[in-house]
């Protein structure tokens, strides 16, 4: 996927992430133990707006693409692991949630680095 195609893909992922965040919050409110789905919802609802902000900052920020990829992959992996644990009683694979969390941390570091790696034309 080229960089020109990645920007709209990040916005699309943000929309899906927001959708899943709302759906999983609703599902968590009707289940016996809402902790896992509530955690998945919180991660999605926290990172979806960050992806929208990256979409907006894309023209000015050299690290937007890598930050968007890291946040998207990390949040999806983390939320999928918690959701799988809730519905199936086991995670995706060993260390999937911590791996997703680590990717999210790297994504936030890429955003922070964006303050120092601006595009030349801005």
PDB file of N, CA and C in Angstrom:
ATOM      1  N   UNK A   1       0.846  -1.179   0.000  1.00  0.00           N
ATOM      2  CA  UNK A   1       0.000   0.000   0.000  1.00  0.00           C
ATOM      3  C   UNK A   1       0.890   1.239   0.000  1.00  0.00           C
ATOM      4  N   UNK A   2       0.653   2.124  -0.939  1.00  0.00           N
ATOM      5  CA  UNK A   2       1.423   3.356  -1.023  1.00  0.00           C
ATOM      6  C   UNK A   2       0.962   4.340   0.039  1.00  0.00           C
ATOM      7  N   UNK A   3       1.831   5.302   0.350  1.00  0.00           N
ATOM      8  CA  UNK A   3       1.525   6.304   1.359  1.00  0.00           C
ATOM      9  C   UNK A   3       0.244   7.069   1.019  1.00  0.00           C
ATOM     10  N   UNK A   4      -0.014   7.343  -0.262  1.00  0.00           N
ATOM     11  CA  UNK A   4      -1.223   8.040  -0.663  1.00  0.00           C
ATOM     12  C   UNK A   4      -2.486   7.247  -0.375  1.00  0.00           C
ATOM     13  N   UNK A   5      -2.382   5.932  -0.370  1.00  0.00           N
ATOM     14  CA  UNK A   5      -3.525   5.078  -0.060  1.00  0.00           C
ATOM     15  C   UNK A   5      -3.658   4.836   1.432  1.00  0.00           C
ATOM     16  N   UNK A   6      -2.579   5.015   2.147  1.00  0.00           N
ATOM     17  CA  UNK A   6      -2.586   4.728   3.576  1.00  0.00           C
ATOM     18  C   UNK A   6      -3.390   5.757   4.358  1.00  0.00           C
ATOM     19  N   UNK A   7      -3.310   7.010   3.963  1.00  0.00           N
ATOM     20  CA  UNK A   7      -4.007   8.050   4.713  1.00  0.00           C
ATOM     21  C   UNK A   7      -5.510   7.788   4.797  1.00  0.00           C
ATOM     22  N   UNK A   8      -6.222   7.561   3.673  1.00  0.00           N
ATOM     23  CA  UNK A   8      -7.653   7.273   3.806  1.00  0.00           C
ATOM     24  C   UNK A   8      -7.924   5.947   4.526  1.00  0.00           C
ATOM     25  N   UNK A   9      -7.009   5.002   4.408  1.00  0.00           N
ATOM     26  CA  UNK A   9      -7.182   3.731   5.121  1.00  0.00           C
ATOM     27  C   UNK A   9      -7.163   3.947   6.626  1.00  0.00           C
ATOM     28  N   UNK A  10      -6.311   4.856   7.098  1.00  0.00           N
ATOM     29  CA  UNK A  10      -6.247   5.148   8.533  1.00  0.00           C
ATOM     30  C   UNK A  10      -7.562   5.760   9.002  1.00  0.00           C
ATOM     31  N   UNK A  11      -8.152   6.639   8.204  1.00  0.00           N
ATOM     32  CA  UNK A  11      -9.441   7.226   8.568  1.00  0.00           C
ATOM     33  C   UNK A  11     -10.531   6.156   8.585  1.00  0.00           C
ATOM     34  N   UNK A  12     -10.497   5.246   7.629  1.00  0.00           N
ATOM     35  CA  UNK A  12     -11.454   4.134   7.591  1.00  0.00           C
ATOM     36  C   UNK A  12     -11.316   3.267   8.845  1.00  0.00           C
ATOM     37  N   UNK A  13     -10.079   2.947   9.206  1.00  0.00           N
ATOM     38  CA  UNK A  13      -9.822   2.149  10.408  1.00  0.00           C
ATOM     39  C   UNK A  13     -10.321   2.884  11.648  1.00  0.00           C
ATOM     40  N   UNK A  14     -10.116   4.195  11.698  1.00  0.00           N
ATOM     41  CA  UNK A  14     -10.606   4.983  12.834  1.00  0.00           C
ATOM     42  C   UNK A  14     -12.117   4.851  12.965  1.00  0.00           C
ATOM     43  N   UNK A  15     -12.820   4.905  11.837  1.00  0.00           N
ATOM     44  CA  UNK A  15     -14.269   4.752  11.876  1.00  0.00           C
ATOM     45  C   UNK A  15     -14.703   3.384  12.368  1.00  0.00           C
ATOM     46  N   UNK A  16     -14.035   2.352  11.876  1.00  0.00           N
ATOM     47  CA  UNK A  16     -14.360   0.994  12.334  1.00  0.00           C
ATOM     48  C   UNK A  16     -14.024   0.811  13.809  1.00  0.00           C
ATOM     49  N   UNK A  17     -12.912   1.401  14.228  1.00  0.00           N
ATOM     50  CA  UNK A  17     -12.497   1.294  15.619  1.00  0.00           C
ATOM     51  C   UNK A  17     -13.506   1.988  16.542  1.00  0.00           C
ATOM     52  N   UNK A  18     -13.977   3.154  16.126  1.00  0.00           N
ATOM     53  CA  UNK A  18     -15.002   3.851  16.898  1.00  0.00           C
ATOM     54  C   UNK A  18     -16.286   3.040  16.968  1.00  0.00           C
ATOM     55  N   UNK A  19     -16.679   2.468  15.834  1.00  0.00           N
ATOM     56  CA  UNK A  19     -17.868   1.617  15.781  1.00  0.00           C
ATOM     57  C   UNK A  19     -17.725   0.440  16.745  1.00  0.00           C
ATOM     58  N   UNK A  20     -16.598  -0.257  16.685  1.00  0.00           N
ATOM     59  CA  UNK A  20     -16.384  -1.396  17.569  1.00  0.00           C
ATOM     60  C   UNK A  20     -16.363  -0.950  19.035  1.00  0.00           C
ATOM     61  N   UNK A  21     -15.797   0.230  19.294  1.00  0.00           N
ATOM     62  CA  UNK A  21     -15.761   0.734  20.670  1.00  0.00           C
ATOM     63  C   UNK A  21     -17.151   0.920  21.244  1.00  0.00           C
ATOM     64  N   UNK A  22     -18.055   1.473  20.451  1.00  0.00           N
ATOM     65  CA  UNK A  22     -19.431   1.683  20.913  1.00  0.00           C
ATOM     66  C   UNK A  22     -20.161   0.350  21.058  1.00  0.00           C
ATOM     67  N   UNK A  23     -20.008  -0.533  20.072  1.00  0.00           N
ATOM     68  CA  UNK A  23     -20.675  -1.843  20.120  1.00  0.00           C
ATOM     69  C   UNK A  23     -20.181  -2.656  21.316  1.00  0.00           C
ATOM     70  N   UNK A  24     -18.870  -2.667  21.545  1.00  0.00           N
ATOM     71  CA  UNK A  24     -18.348  -3.459  22.663  1.00  0.00           C
ATOM     72  C   UNK A  24     -18.723  -2.843  24.008  1.00  0.00           C
ATOM     73  N   UNK A  25     -18.865  -1.530  24.080  1.00  0.00           N
ATOM     74  CA  UNK A  25     -19.344  -0.902  25.318  1.00  0.00           C
ATOM     75  C   UNK A  25     -20.778  -1.316  25.604  1.00  0.00           C
ATOM     76  N   UNK A  26     -21.590  -1.338  24.564  1.00  0.00           N
ATOM     77  CA  UNK A  26     -22.978  -1.768  24.740  1.00  0.00           C
ATOM     78  C   UNK A  26     -23.045  -3.234  25.156  1.00  0.00           C
ATOM     79  N   UNK A  27     -22.231  -4.072  24.509  1.00  0.00           N
ATOM     80  CA  UNK A  27     -22.219  -5.500  24.864  1.00  0.00           C
ATOM     81  C   UNK A  27     -21.722  -5.702  26.292  1.00  0.00           C
ATOM     82  N   UNK A  28     -20.745  -4.915  26.699  1.00  0.00           N
ATOM     83  CA  UNK A  28     -20.205  -5.042  28.055  1.00  0.00           C
ATOM     84  C   UNK A  28     -21.256  -4.688  29.100  1.00  0.00           C
ATOM     85  N   UNK A  29     -22.144  -3.768  28.764  1.00  0.00           N
ATOM     86  CA  UNK A  29     -23.151  -3.357  29.748  1.00  0.00           C
ATOM     87  C   UNK A  29     -24.243  -4.402  29.935  1.00  0.00           C
ATOM     88  N   UNK A  30     -24.295  -5.393  29.063  1.00  0.00           N
ATOM     89  CA  UNK A  30     -25.337  -6.412  29.162  1.00  0.00           C
ATOM     90  C   UNK A  30     -24.801  -7.782  29.572  1.00  0.00           C
ATOM     91  N   UNK A  31     -23.504  -7.887  29.801  1.00  0.00           N
ATOM     92  CA  UNK A  31     -22.919  -9.179  30.145  1.00  0.00           C
ATOM     93  C   UNK A  31     -22.697  -9.330  31.635  1.00  0.00           C
ATOM     94  N   UNK A  32     -22.297 -10.520  32.025  1.00  0.00           N
ATOM     95  CA  UNK A  32     -22.053 -10.817  33.434  1.00  0.00           C
ATOM     96  C   UNK A  32     -20.790 -10.128  33.946  1.00  0.00           C
ATOM     97  N   UNK A  33     -19.732 -10.128  33.155  1.00  0.00           N
ATOM     98  CA  UNK A  33     -18.461  -9.524  33.562  1.00  0.00           C
ATOM     99  C   UNK A  33     -17.991  -8.574  32.460  1.00  0.00           C
ATOM    100  N   UNK A  34     -18.165  -7.288  32.672  1.00  0.00           N
ATOM    101  CA  UNK A  34     -17.880  -6.324  31.604  1.00  0.00           C
ATOM    102  C   UNK A  34     -16.409  -5.925  31.469  1.00  0.00           C
ATOM    103  N   UNK A  35     -15.536  -6.444  32.309  1.00  0.00           N
ATOM    104  CA  UNK A  35     -14.154  -5.938  32.332  1.00  0.00           C
ATOM    105  C   UNK A  35     -13.425  -6.102  31.006  1.00  0.00           C
ATOM    106  N   UNK A  36     -13.472  -7.266  30.411  1.00  0.00           N
ATOM    107  CA  UNK A  36     -12.715  -7.483  29.175  1.00  0.00           C
ATOM    108  C   UNK A  36     -13.263  -6.659  28.016  1.00  0.00           C
ATOM    109  N   UNK A  37     -14.578  -6.717  27.807  1.00  0.00           N
ATOM    110  CA  UNK A  37     -15.161  -5.935  26.716  1.00  0.00           C
ATOM    111  C   UNK A  37     -15.066  -4.441  27.001  1.00  0.00           C
ATOM    112  N   UNK A  38     -15.176  -4.070  28.258  1.00  0.00           N
ATOM    113  CA  UNK A  38     -15.018  -2.664  28.624  1.00  0.00           C
ATOM    114  C   UNK A  38     -13.619  -2.165  28.315  1.00  0.00           C
ATOM    115  N   UNK A  39     -12.617  -3.002  28.570  1.00  0.00           N
ATOM    116  CA  UNK A  39     -11.237  -2.638  28.244  1.00  0.00           C
ATOM    117  C   UNK A  39     -11.018  -2.520  26.746  1.00  0.00           C
ATOM    118  N   UNK A  40     -11.593  -3.444  25.987  1.00  0.00           N
ATOM    119  CA  UNK A  40     -11.480  -3.382  24.528  1.00  0.00           C
ATOM    120  C   UNK A  40     -12.159  -2.120  24.011  1.00  0.00           C
ATOM    121  N   UNK A  41     -13.325  -1.808  24.561  1.00  0.00           N
ATOM    122  CA  UNK A  41     -14.044  -0.604  24.161  1.00  0.00           C
ATOM    123  C   UNK A  41     -13.235   0.645  24.469  1.00  0.00           C
ATOM    124  N   UNK A  42     -12.671   0.712  25.656  1.00  0.00           N
ATOM    125  CA  UNK A  42     -11.894   1.887  26.059  1.00  0.00           C
ATOM    126  C   UNK A  42     -10.705   2.107  25.128  1.00  0.00           C
ATOM    127  N   UNK A  43      -9.996   1.040  24.781  1.00  0.00           N
ATOM    128  CA  UNK A  43      -8.844   1.186  23.887  1.00  0.00           C
ATOM    129  C   UNK A  43      -9.276   1.683  22.518  1.00  0.00           C
ATOM    130  N   UNK A  44     -10.359   1.140  21.996  1.00  0.00           N
ATOM    131  CA  UNK A  44     -10.835   1.560  20.669  1.00  0.00           C
ATOM    132  C   UNK A  44     -11.325   3.005  20.697  1.00  0.00           C
ATOM    133  N   UNK A  45     -12.086   3.356  21.722  1.00  0.00           N
ATOM    134  CA  UNK A  45     -12.623   4.709  21.789  1.00  0.00           C
ATOM    135  C   UNK A  45     -11.551   5.742  22.113  1.00  0.00           C
ATOM    136  N   UNK A  46     -10.440   5.319  22.694  1.00  0.00           N
ATOM    137  CA  UNK A  46      -9.324   6.244  22.943  1.00  0.00           C
ATOM    138  C   UNK A  46      -8.471   6.440  21.693  1.00  0.00           C
ATOM    139  N   UNK A  47      -8.289   5.387  20.925  1.00  0.00           N
ATOM    140  CA  UNK A  47      -7.374   5.467  19.792  1.00  0.00           C
ATOM    141  C   UNK A  47      -8.043   5.870  18.479  1.00  0.00           C
ATOM    142  N   UNK A  48      -9.340   5.683  18.346  1.00  0.00           N
ATOM    143  CA  UNK A  48     -10.026   6.121  17.123  1.00  0.00           C
ATOM    144  C   UNK A  48      -9.883   7.634  16.914  1.00  0.00           C
ATOM    145  N   UNK A  49     -10.116   8.468  17.931  1.00  0.00           N
ATOM    146  CA  UNK A  49      -9.911   9.907  17.715  1.00  0.00           C
ATOM    147  C   UNK A  49      -8.448  10.263  17.447  1.00  0.00           C
ATOM    148  N   UNK A  50      -7.527   9.504  18.017  1.00  0.00           N
ATOM    149  CA  UNK A  50      -6.109   9.755  17.741  1.00  0.00           C
ATOM    150  C   UNK A  50      -5.811   9.497  16.270  1.00  0.00           C
ATOM    151  N   UNK A  51      -6.424   8.481  15.700  1.00  0.00           N
ATOM    152  CA  UNK A  51      -6.227   8.201  14.273  1.00  0.00           C
ATOM    153  C   UNK A  51      -6.853   9.291  13.405  1.00  0.00           C
ATOM    154  N   UNK A  52      -7.996   9.817  13.834  1.00  0.00           N
ATOM    155  CA  UNK A  52      -8.604  10.931  13.105  1.00  0.00           C
ATOM    156  C   UNK A  52      -7.670  12.142  13.151  1.00  0.00           C
ATOM    157  N   UNK A  53      -7.078  12.397  14.303  1.00  0.00           N
ATOM    158  CA  UNK A  53      -6.130  13.512  14.425  1.00  0.00           C
ATOM    159  C   UNK A  53      -4.898  13.285  13.549  1.00  0.00           C
ATOM    160  N   UNK A  54      -4.423  12.061  13.476  1.00  0.00           N
ATOM    161  CA  UNK A  54      -3.297  11.759  12.583  1.00  0.00           C
ATOM    162  C   UNK A  54      -3.672  12.008  11.128  1.00  0.00           C
ATOM    163  N   UNK A  55      -4.872  11.639  10.767  1.00  0.00           N
ATOM    164  CA  UNK A  55      -5.348  11.900   9.412  1.00  0.00           C
ATOM    165  C   UNK A  55      -5.276  13.401   9.120  1.00  0.00           C
ATOM    166  N   UNK A  56      -5.720  14.208  10.065  1.00  0.00           N
ATOM    167  CA  UNK A  56      -5.708  15.657   9.881  1.00  0.00           C
ATOM    168  C   UNK A  56      -4.286  16.222   9.840  1.00  0.00           C
ATOM    169  N   UNK A  57      -3.401  15.667  10.651  1.00  0.00           N
ATOM    170  CA  UNK A  57      -2.022  16.172  10.744  1.00  0.00           C
ATOM    171  C   UNK A  57      -1.104  15.596   9.680  1.00  0.00           C
ATOM    172  N   UNK A  58      -1.589  14.643   8.917  1.00  0.00           N
ATOM    173  CA  UNK A  58      -0.779  13.900   7.945  1.00  0.00           C
ATOM    174  C   UNK A  58       0.102  14.796   7.072  1.00  0.00           C
ATOM    175  N   UNK A  59      -0.432  15.863   6.490  1.00  0.00           N
ATOM    176  CA  UNK A  59       0.402  16.672   5.596  1.00  0.00           C
ATOM    177  C   UNK A  59       1.580  17.364   6.295  1.00  0.00           C
ATOM    178  N   UNK A  60       1.506  17.533   7.598  1.00  0.00           N
ATOM    179  CA  UNK A  60       2.549  18.251   8.332  1.00  0.00           C
ATOM    180  C   UNK A  60       3.497  17.336   9.093  1.00  0.00           C
ATOM    181  N   UNK A  61       3.191  16.079   9.194  1.00  0.00           N
ATOM    182  CA  UNK A  61       3.884  15.201  10.124  1.00  0.00           C
ATOM    183  C   UNK A  61       4.507  14.005   9.400  1.00  0.00           C
ATOM    184  N   UNK A  62       5.807  13.917   9.397  1.00  0.00           N
ATOM    185  CA  UNK A  62       6.485  12.804   8.708  1.00  0.00           C
ATOM    186  C   UNK A  62       6.220  11.456   9.349  1.00  0.00           C
ATOM    187  N   UNK A  63       5.938  11.435  10.623  1.00  0.00           N
ATOM    188  CA  UNK A  63       5.760  10.160  11.328  1.00  0.00           C
ATOM    189  C   UNK A  63       4.306   9.704  11.367  1.00  0.00           C
ATOM    190  N   UNK A  64       3.416  10.415  10.675  1.00  0.00           N
ATOM    191  CA  UNK A  64       1.996  10.073  10.744  1.00  0.00           C
ATOM    192  C   UNK A  64       1.716   8.658  10.241  1.00  0.00           C
ATOM    193  N   UNK A  65       2.347   8.250   9.154  1.00  0.00           N
ATOM    194  CA  UNK A  65       2.076   6.929   8.585  1.00  0.00           C
ATOM    195  C   UNK A  65       2.479   5.816   9.543  1.00  0.00           C
ATOM    196  N   UNK A  66       3.688   5.879  10.068  1.00  0.00           N
ATOM    197  CA  UNK A  66       4.138   4.812  10.979  1.00  0.00           C
ATOM    198  C   UNK A  66       3.346   4.851  12.283  1.00  0.00           C
ATOM    199  N   UNK A  67       3.031   6.052  12.770  1.00  0.00           N
ATOM    200  CA  UNK A  67       2.226   6.159  13.991  1.00  0.00           C
ATOM    201  C   UNK A  67       0.842   5.559  13.769  1.00  0.00           C
ATOM    202  N   UNK A  68       0.240   5.866  12.621  1.00  0.00           N
ATOM    203  CA  UNK A  68      -1.079   5.321  12.317  1.00  0.00           C
ATOM    204  C   UNK A  68      -1.077   3.810  12.202  1.00  0.00           C
ATOM    205  N   UNK A  69      -0.058   3.275  11.556  1.00  0.00           N
ATOM    206  CA  UNK A  69       0.040   1.819  11.436  1.00  0.00           C
ATOM    207  C   UNK A  69       0.227   1.154  12.792  1.00  0.00           C
ATOM    208  N   UNK A  70       1.117   1.717  13.606  1.00  0.00           N
ATOM    209  CA  UNK A  70       1.380   1.130  14.923  1.00  0.00           C
ATOM    210  C   UNK A  70       0.154   1.206  15.827  1.00  0.00           C
ATOM    211  N   UNK A  71      -0.504   2.366  15.863  1.00  0.00           N
ATOM    212  CA  UNK A  71      -1.701   2.497  16.699  1.00  0.00           C
ATOM    213  C   UNK A  71      -2.820   1.593  16.207  1.00  0.00           C
ATOM    214  N   UNK A  72      -2.995   1.523  14.895  1.00  0.00           N
ATOM    215  CA  UNK A  72      -4.056   0.671  14.344  1.00  0.00           C
ATOM    216  C   UNK A  72      -3.819  -0.802  14.672  1.00  0.00           C
ATOM    217  N   UNK A  73      -2.622  -1.269  14.369  1.00  0.00           N
ATOM    218  CA  UNK A  73      -2.314  -2.684  14.604  1.00  0.00           C
ATOM    219  C   UNK A  73      -2.334  -3.017  16.095  1.00  0.00           C
ATOM    220  N   UNK A  74      -1.748  -2.151  16.891  1.00  0.00           N
ATOM    221  CA  UNK A  74      -1.696  -2.411  18.325  1.00  0.00           C
ATOM    222  C   UNK A  74      -3.068  -2.434  18.965  1.00  0.00           C
ATOM    223  N   UNK A  75      -3.894  -1.448  18.629  1.00  0.00           N
ATOM    224  CA  UNK A  75      -5.239  -1.394  19.202  1.00  0.00           C
ATOM    225  C   UNK A  75      -6.075  -2.577  18.742  1.00  0.00           C
ATOM    226  N   UNK A  76      -5.986  -2.910  17.458  1.00  0.00           N
ATOM    227  CA  UNK A  76      -6.748  -4.051  16.946  1.00  0.00           C
ATOM    228  C   UNK A  76      -6.334  -5.348  17.629  1.00  0.00           C
ATOM    229  N   UNK A  77      -5.050  -5.543  17.784  1.00  0.00           N
ATOM    230  CA  UNK A  77      -4.555  -6.766  18.420  1.00  0.00           C
ATOM    231  C   UNK A  77      -4.980  -6.830  19.887  1.00  0.00           C
ATOM    232  N   UNK A  78      -4.811  -5.734  20.597  1.00  0.00           N
ATOM    233  CA  UNK A  78      -5.176  -5.683  22.013  1.00  0.00           C
ATOM    234  C   UNK A  78      -6.675  -5.925  22.196  1.00  0.00           C
ATOM    235  N   UNK A  79      -7.493  -5.179  21.444  1.00  0.00           N
ATOM    236  CA  UNK A  79      -8.942  -5.313  21.581  1.00  0.00           C
ATOM    237  C   UNK A  79      -9.425  -6.690  21.138  1.00  0.00           C
ATOM    238  N   UNK A  80      -8.841  -7.225  20.074  1.00  0.00           N
ATOM    239  CA  UNK A  80      -9.242  -8.561  19.610  1.00  0.00           C
ATOM    240  C   UNK A  80      -8.914  -9.626  20.647  1.00  0.00           C
ATOM    241  N   UNK A  81      -7.767  -9.483  21.313  1.00  0.00           N
ATOM    242  CA  UNK A  81      -7.412 -10.452  22.339  1.00  0.00           C
ATOM    243  C   UNK A  81      -8.400 -10.398  23.501  1.00  0.00           C
ATOM    244  N   UNK A  82      -8.741  -9.185  23.979  1.00  0.00           N
ATOM    245  CA  UNK A  82      -9.692  -9.066  25.087  1.00  0.00           C
ATOM    246  C   UNK A  82     -11.072  -9.576  24.696  1.00  0.00           C
ATOM    247  N   UNK A  83     -11.484  -9.283  23.466  1.00  0.00           N
ATOM    248  CA  UNK A  83     -12.793  -9.731  22.994  1.00  0.00           C
ATOM    249  C   UNK A  83     -12.831 -11.251  22.869  1.00  0.00           C
ATOM    250  N   UNK A  84     -11.771 -11.830  22.346  1.00  0.00           N
ATOM    251  CA  UNK A  84     -11.692 -13.285  22.240  1.00  0.00           C
ATOM    252  C   UNK A  84     -11.712 -13.929  23.627  1.00  0.00           C
ATOM    253  N   UNK A  85     -10.994 -13.337  24.564  1.00  0.00           N
ATOM    254  CA  UNK A  85     -11.011 -13.858  25.937  1.00  0.00           C
ATOM    255  C   UNK A  85     -12.418 -13.815  26.513  1.00  0.00           C
ATOM    256  N   UNK A  86     -13.135 -12.735  26.251  1.00  0.00           N
ATOM    257  CA  UNK A  86     -14.493 -12.599  26.782  1.00  0.00           C
ATOM    258  C   UNK A  86     -15.424 -13.674  26.215  1.00  0.00           C
ATOM    259  N   UNK A  87     -15.417 -13.837  24.905  1.00  0.00           N
ATOM    260  CA  UNK A  87     -16.386 -14.735  24.273  1.00  0.00           C
ATOM    261  C   UNK A  87     -15.959 -16.196  24.218  1.00  0.00           C
ATOM    262  N   UNK A  88     -14.645 -16.457  24.118  1.00  0.00           N
ATOM    263  CA  UNK A  88     -14.182 -17.839  23.963  1.00  0.00           C
ATOM    264  C   UNK A  88     -13.460 -18.389  25.183  1.00  0.00           C
ATOM    265  N   UNK A  89     -13.086 -17.516  26.097  1.00  0.00           N
ATOM    266  CA  UNK A  89     -12.406 -17.975  27.299  1.00  0.00           C
ATOM    267  C   UNK A  89     -10.898 -18.112  27.151  1.00  0.00           C
ATOM    268  N   UNK A  90     -10.364 -17.751  26.001  1.00  0.00           N
ATOM    269  CA  UNK A  90      -8.914 -17.781  25.787  1.00  0.00           C
ATOM    270  C   UNK A  90      -8.543 -16.660  24.829  1.00  0.00           C
ATOM    271  N   UNK A  91      -7.286 -16.261  24.866  1.00  0.00           N
ATOM    272  CA  UNK A  91      -6.821 -15.179  24.004  1.00  0.00           C
ATOM    273  C   UNK A  91      -6.499 -15.636  22.598  1.00  0.00           C
ATOM    274  N   UNK A  92      -6.100 -14.694  21.770  1.00  0.00           N
ATOM    275  CA  UNK A  92      -5.735 -15.013  20.387  1.00  0.00           C
ATOM    276  C   UNK A  92      -4.533 -15.932  20.329  1.00  0.00           C
ATOM    277  N   UNK A  93      -3.460 -15.519  20.997  1.00  0.00           N
ATOM    278  CA  UNK A  93      -2.232 -16.303  21.096  1.00  0.00           C
ATOM    279  C   UNK A  93      -1.465 -15.765  22.296  1.00  0.00           C
ATOM    280  N   UNK A  94      -0.513 -16.522  22.830  1.00  0.00           N
ATOM    281  CA  UNK A  94       0.219 -16.044  24.004  1.00  0.00           C
ATOM    282  C   UNK A  94       0.883 -14.690  23.736  1.00  0.00           C
ATOM    283  N   UNK A  95       0.731 -13.797  24.671  1.00  0.00           N
ATOM    284  CA  UNK A  95       1.333 -12.461  24.642  1.00  0.00           C
ATOM    285  C   UNK A  95       0.723 -11.539  23.590  1.00  0.00           C
ATOM    286  N   UNK A  96      -0.475 -11.847  23.079  1.00  0.00           N
ATOM    287  CA  UNK A  96      -1.058 -10.974  22.060  1.00  0.00           C
ATOM    288  C   UNK A  96      -1.470  -9.622  22.627  1.00  0.00           C
ATOM    289  N   UNK A  97      -2.077  -9.587  23.810  1.00  0.00           N
ATOM    290  CA  UNK A  97      -2.448  -8.295  24.396  1.00  0.00           C
ATOM    291  C   UNK A  97      -1.213  -7.456  24.732  1.00  0.00           C
ATOM    292  N   UNK A  98      -0.189  -8.020  25.368  1.00  0.00           N
ATOM    293  CA  UNK A  98       1.006  -7.200  25.610  1.00  0.00           C
ATOM    294  C   UNK A  98       1.703  -6.757  24.331  1.00  0.00           C
ATOM    295  N   UNK A  99       1.661  -7.582  23.299  1.00  0.00           N
ATOM    296  CA  UNK A  99       2.241  -7.177  22.018  1.00  0.00           C
ATOM    297  C   UNK A  99       1.467  -5.991  21.445  1.00  0.00           C
ATOM    298  N   UNK A 100       0.149  -6.068  21.498  1.00  0.00           N
ATOM    299  CA  UNK A 100      -0.676  -4.948  21.049  1.00  0.00           C
ATOM    300  C   UNK A 100      -0.407  -3.696  21.862  1.00  0.00           C
ATOM    301  N   UNK A 101      -0.277  -3.861  23.169  1.00  0.00           N
ATOM    302  CA  UNK A 101       0.041  -2.716  24.024  1.00  0.00           C
ATOM    303  C   UNK A 101       1.383  -2.099  23.681  1.00  0.00           C
ATOM    304  N   UNK A 102       2.360  -2.934  23.401  1.00  0.00           N
ATOM    305  CA  UNK A 102       3.679  -2.435  23.009  1.00  0.00           C
ATOM    306  C   UNK A 102       3.634  -1.678  21.693  1.00  0.00           C
ATOM    307  N   UNK A 103       2.851  -2.176  20.741  1.00  0.00           N
ATOM    308  CA  UNK A 103       2.698  -1.477  19.467  1.00  0.00           C
ATOM    309  C   UNK A 103       2.028  -0.115  19.665  1.00  0.00           C
ATOM    310  N   UNK A 104       1.034  -0.072  20.560  1.00  0.00           N
ATOM    311  CA  UNK A 104       0.393   1.208  20.858  1.00  0.00           C
ATOM    312  C   UNK A 104       1.394   2.186  21.471  1.00  0.00           C
ATOM    313  N   UNK A 105       2.214   1.705  22.383  1.00  0.00           N
ATOM    314  CA  UNK A 105       3.239   2.572  22.984  1.00  0.00           C
ATOM    315  C   UNK A 105       4.176   3.126  21.915  1.00  0.00           C
ATOM    316  N   UNK A 106       4.604   2.272  21.006  1.00  0.00           N
ATOM    317  CA  UNK A 106       5.473   2.728  19.919  1.00  0.00           C
ATOM    318  C   UNK A 106       4.757   3.740  19.022  1.00  0.00           C
ATOM    319  N   UNK A 107       3.468   3.532  18.809  1.00  0.00           N
ATOM    320  CA  UNK A 107       2.686   4.481  18.024  1.00  0.00           C
ATOM    321  C   UNK A 107       2.645   5.854  18.667  1.00  0.00           C
ATOM    322  N   UNK A 108       2.470   5.881  19.984  1.00  0.00           N
ATOM    323  CA  UNK A 108       2.465   7.166  20.690  1.00  0.00           C
ATOM    324  C   UNK A 108       3.852   7.807  20.666  1.00  0.00           C
ATOM    325  N   UNK A 109       4.892   7.004  20.725  1.00  0.00           N
ATOM    326  CA  UNK A 109       6.248   7.561  20.593  1.00  0.00           C
ATOM    327  C   UNK A 109       6.461   8.142  19.193  1.00  0.00           C
ATOM    328  N   UNK A 110       5.913   7.493  18.186  1.00  0.00           N
ATOM    329  CA  UNK A 110       6.018   8.020  16.824  1.00  0.00           C
ATOM    330  C   UNK A 110       5.286   9.354  16.703  1.00  0.00           C
ATOM    331  N   UNK A 111       4.170   9.488  17.393  1.00  0.00           N
ATOM    332  CA  UNK A 111       3.466  10.773  17.400  1.00  0.00           C
ATOM    333  C   UNK A 111       4.332  11.834  18.070  1.00  0.00           C
ATOM    334  N   UNK A 112       4.927  11.492  19.207  1.00  0.00           N
ATOM    335  CA  UNK A 112       5.801  12.440  19.902  1.00  0.00           C
ATOM    336  C   UNK A 112       6.988  12.835  19.024  1.00  0.00           C
ATOM    337  N   UNK A 113       7.545  11.873  18.313  1.00  0.00           N
ATOM    338  CA  UNK A 113       8.675  12.156  17.422  1.00  0.00           C
ATOM    339  C   UNK A 113       8.262  13.079  16.285  1.00  0.00           C
ATOM    340  N   UNK A 114       6.986  13.046  15.930  1.00  0.00           N
ATOM    341  CA  UNK A 114       6.479  13.913  14.877  1.00  0.00           C
ATOM    342  C   UNK A 114       6.677  15.386  15.169  1.00  0.00           C
ATOM    343  N   UNK A 115       6.818  15.740  16.433  1.00  0.00           N
ATOM    344  CA  UNK A 115       7.084  17.146  16.786  1.00  0.00           C
ATOM    345  C   UNK A 115       8.438  17.598  16.267  1.00  0.00           C
ATOM    346  N   UNK A 116       9.353  16.659  16.087  1.00  0.00           N
ATOM    347  CA  UNK A 116      10.702  16.988  15.667  1.00  0.00           C
ATOM    348  C   UNK A 116      10.966  16.652  14.196  1.00  0.00           C
ATOM    349  N   UNK A 117      10.094  15.846  13.612  1.00  0.00           N
ATOM    350  CA  UNK A 117      10.259  15.438  12.216  1.00  0.00           C
ATOM    351  C   UNK A 117       9.111  15.966  11.383  1.00  0.00           C
ATOM    352  N   UNK A 118       9.076  17.272  11.229  1.00  0.00           N
ATOM    353  CA  UNK A 118       8.022  17.902  10.435  1.00  0.00           C
ATOM    354  C   UNK A 118       8.387  17.847   8.961  1.00  0.00           C
ATOM    355  N   UNK A 119       7.417  17.963   8.126  1.00  0.00           N
ATOM    356  CA  UNK A 119       7.658  18.020   6.693  1.00  0.00           C
ATOM    357  C   UNK A 119       8.336  19.340   6.364  1.00  0.00           C
ATOM    358  N   UNK A 120       9.202  19.327   5.400  1.00  0.00           N
ATOM    359  CA  UNK A 120      10.009  20.495   5.038  1.00  0.00           C
ATOM    360  C   UNK A 120       9.159  21.666   4.555  1.00  0.00           C
ATOM    361  N   UNK A 121       8.027  21.365   3.937  1.00  0.00           N
ATOM    362  CA  UNK A 121       7.208  22.426   3.351  1.00  0.00           C
ATOM    363  C   UNK A 121       6.208  23.040   4.322  1.00  0.00           C
ATOM    364  N   UNK A 122       6.284  22.704   5.616  1.00  0.00           N
ATOM    365  CA  UNK A 122       5.353  23.289   6.591  1.00  0.00           C
ATOM    366  C   UNK A 122       6.049  24.237   7.521  1.00  0.00           C
TER     367      UNK A 122
END
